[in-house]
Protein backbone atom coordinates (compact mmCIF):
# COMPACT_ATOMS: atom_id res chain seq x y z
CA MET A 1 0.22 -51.16 30.64
CA SER A 2 3.64 -49.46 31.62
CA THR A 3 4.81 -49.05 35.18
CA THR A 4 6.50 -45.92 36.18
CA VAL A 5 9.58 -45.91 38.48
CA ARG A 6 11.68 -43.11 39.84
CA THR A 7 14.50 -42.61 42.23
CA ALA A 8 16.68 -39.62 43.19
CA THR A 9 19.45 -38.44 45.27
CA VAL A 10 20.30 -35.04 46.70
CA LEU A 11 23.53 -33.53 45.50
CA GLY A 12 25.57 -30.93 47.30
CA PRO A 13 26.27 -27.68 45.32
CA GLU A 14 29.69 -28.68 44.12
CA GLN A 15 28.60 -32.25 43.39
CA ALA A 16 25.86 -30.76 41.26
CA ARG A 17 28.48 -28.39 39.34
CA VAL A 18 30.64 -31.46 38.67
CA ALA A 19 27.66 -33.66 37.61
CA ALA A 20 26.41 -30.95 35.19
CA ARG A 21 29.73 -31.09 33.37
CA LEU A 22 30.37 -34.88 33.40
CA LEU A 23 26.78 -35.82 32.42
CA GLN A 24 27.47 -33.94 29.10
CA ARG A 25 30.52 -35.91 28.39
CA ASP A 26 31.15 -39.38 27.01
CA PRO A 27 29.26 -41.82 29.26
CA ALA A 28 32.64 -43.87 29.54
CA GLU A 29 33.81 -41.02 31.93
CA TRP A 30 30.92 -41.61 34.41
CA LEU A 31 29.44 -45.07 34.01
CA PRO A 32 30.42 -47.75 36.55
CA ALA A 33 33.96 -49.24 35.99
CA ASP A 34 32.34 -52.70 34.72
CA ALA A 35 30.48 -50.94 31.85
CA ARG A 36 31.76 -52.01 28.30
CA ARG A 37 31.11 -50.47 24.96
CA SER A 38 29.15 -52.77 22.70
CA GLY A 39 28.38 -51.59 19.27
CA ALA A 40 26.41 -48.34 19.44
CA GLY A 41 25.64 -49.08 23.25
CA TRP A 42 26.91 -50.37 26.43
CA LEU A 43 26.85 -53.66 28.47
CA LEU A 44 26.01 -52.73 31.90
CA THR A 45 25.37 -54.80 35.10
CA VAL A 46 22.32 -53.71 37.11
CA ARG A 47 21.78 -54.85 40.64
CA ALA A 48 18.97 -55.44 43.11
CA GLY A 49 19.98 -56.79 46.37
CA ARG A 50 22.53 -59.61 45.63
CA ALA A 51 20.85 -60.37 42.23
CA THR A 52 22.61 -58.90 39.17
CA ARG A 53 21.53 -58.72 35.55
CA SER A 54 23.45 -57.99 32.46
CA VAL A 55 21.65 -55.35 30.19
CA ARG A 56 22.32 -53.95 26.67
CA ALA A 57 21.92 -50.10 27.27
CA ARG A 58 21.90 -47.05 25.01
CA ILE A 59 22.61 -43.68 26.32
CA GLY A 60 21.22 -40.80 24.28
CA GLY A 61 22.55 -37.39 23.61
CA VAL A 62 22.54 -34.53 26.02
CA VAL A 63 19.25 -32.73 26.35
CA ILE A 64 19.27 -29.43 28.31
CA THR A 65 15.79 -27.85 28.98
CA ASP A 66 14.99 -25.20 31.67
CA GLY A 67 18.40 -25.87 33.39
CA ARG A 68 17.87 -29.64 33.49
CA ILE A 69 20.52 -31.66 31.99
CA GLY A 70 19.42 -35.15 30.90
CA ARG A 71 20.11 -38.17 28.81
CA ARG A 72 17.86 -40.83 27.61
CA LEU A 73 18.52 -44.19 29.18
CA ARG A 74 17.28 -47.52 27.70
CA TRP A 75 18.15 -51.07 28.38
CA VAL A 76 17.18 -54.56 27.42
CA PRO A 77 18.11 -57.44 29.82
CA LEU A 78 20.22 -60.17 28.32
CA ARG A 79 19.96 -63.95 28.91
CA PRO A 80 22.89 -65.18 31.12
CA ASP A 81 23.63 -68.01 28.72
CA ALA A 82 23.59 -65.94 25.55
CA PRO A 83 24.79 -62.47 26.20
CA GLN A 84 23.64 -60.90 23.04
CA ARG A 85 20.00 -62.32 23.10
CA GLU A 86 17.26 -60.57 24.85
CA THR A 87 15.05 -62.19 27.63
CA VAL A 88 11.41 -61.95 28.39
CA LEU A 89 12.40 -59.80 31.43
CA PRO A 90 11.21 -56.25 31.21
CA ALA A 91 13.15 -53.51 29.22
CA PHE A 92 13.56 -50.19 30.82
CA GLU A 93 12.88 -46.78 28.96
CA GLY A 94 13.85 -43.67 30.90
CA ARG A 95 16.39 -40.96 31.49
CA ILE A 96 19.03 -39.84 33.93
CA GLN A 97 18.63 -36.19 34.68
CA LEU A 98 20.15 -33.48 36.99
CA LEU A 99 17.55 -31.19 38.25
CA PRO A 100 19.14 -27.86 39.50
CA ASP A 101 18.64 -26.06 42.79
CA ASP A 102 15.72 -23.89 41.97
CA GLY A 103 16.29 -21.74 45.02
CA GLU A 104 13.69 -23.67 47.00
CA GLY A 105 15.46 -27.06 47.29
CA GLU A 106 18.53 -28.91 46.66
CA PRO A 107 19.85 -30.26 43.31
CA LEU A 108 18.72 -33.86 42.54
CA LEU A 109 20.26 -36.53 40.36
CA VAL A 110 17.27 -38.58 39.09
CA VAL A 111 16.78 -41.81 37.31
CA SER A 112 13.13 -42.30 36.08
CA GLY A 113 11.27 -44.17 33.43
CA THR A 114 8.92 -47.01 32.64
CA TYR A 115 8.80 -50.73 31.95
CA ASP A 116 6.18 -53.15 30.87
CA PRO A 117 5.75 -56.08 33.45
CA PRO A 118 5.75 -59.36 31.55
CA GLY A 119 2.93 -61.90 32.00
CA GLY A 120 -0.24 -59.92 31.30
CA VAL A 121 -2.87 -59.32 34.02
CA ALA A 122 -0.96 -61.88 36.32
CA GLY A 123 2.34 -60.18 35.73
CA ARG A 124 0.85 -56.79 36.50
CA GLY A 125 -0.50 -58.14 39.83
CA ILE A 126 2.95 -59.62 40.82
CA ASP A 127 4.49 -56.32 39.70
CA ALA A 128 2.18 -54.33 42.06
CA LEU A 129 2.91 -56.62 44.95
CA VAL A 130 6.68 -57.28 44.60
CA MET A 131 8.46 -56.49 41.28
CA HIS A 132 7.88 -52.70 41.46
CA HIS A 133 10.02 -52.56 44.62
CA VAL A 134 12.67 -54.65 42.88
CA ALA A 135 12.55 -52.27 40.07
CA ARG A 136 12.90 -49.14 42.35
CA HIS A 137 15.73 -50.98 44.09
CA THR A 138 17.53 -51.60 40.83
CA LEU A 139 17.40 -47.97 39.96
CA ASN A 140 18.56 -46.94 43.54
CA ARG A 141 21.62 -49.27 42.94
CA LEU A 142 22.30 -47.86 39.33
CA LEU A 143 22.29 -44.35 40.85
CA GLU A 144 24.66 -45.50 43.56
CA ASP A 145 26.90 -46.98 40.79
CA VAL A 146 27.09 -43.89 38.70
CA LEU A 147 27.25 -41.27 41.41
CA PRO A 148 30.97 -41.48 42.01
CA GLY A 149 31.68 -41.06 38.32
CA LEU A 150 29.38 -38.18 38.00
CA THR A 151 30.58 -36.31 41.08
CA ASP A 152 34.34 -36.88 40.97
CA ALA A 153 35.83 -33.26 40.61
CA ALA A 154 39.12 -34.75 39.45
CA SER A 155 37.39 -35.97 36.40
CA THR A 156 36.47 -32.53 35.20
CA ALA A 157 39.94 -31.15 35.06
CA ALA A 158 40.52 -32.57 31.48
């Protein structure tokens, strides 16, 4: 059974305009500085508190629907001792999306998706108690890490 997780941050009008342009460009322009291309994807570091985890990520093409600009975001955690092999830690399947100001609120930058807690019934119980909070914190940190790259007006000059 998959667990859903979501986090968002409010953007100002200018930040949203810049993010709308940059989210449609090459992810190299807005991913954190420590992101590295790897084949058809990326090697990223995701963080939760002081813990870090390397992941192999894929970022999909731009999808624009009803003024929402989004990209699919998937990752598979990597083993620390063998960076190209997957671990049993949960993979993430989701998206990063800019939701426009609809006249009733403010623009939001959202990361949302699902993961399957490992460990069967016991794993789902641990997820409900603790790990879901860790997953949400991981997405919060990812959002913090990509926000500067997506809202830097100087980057849109090119």
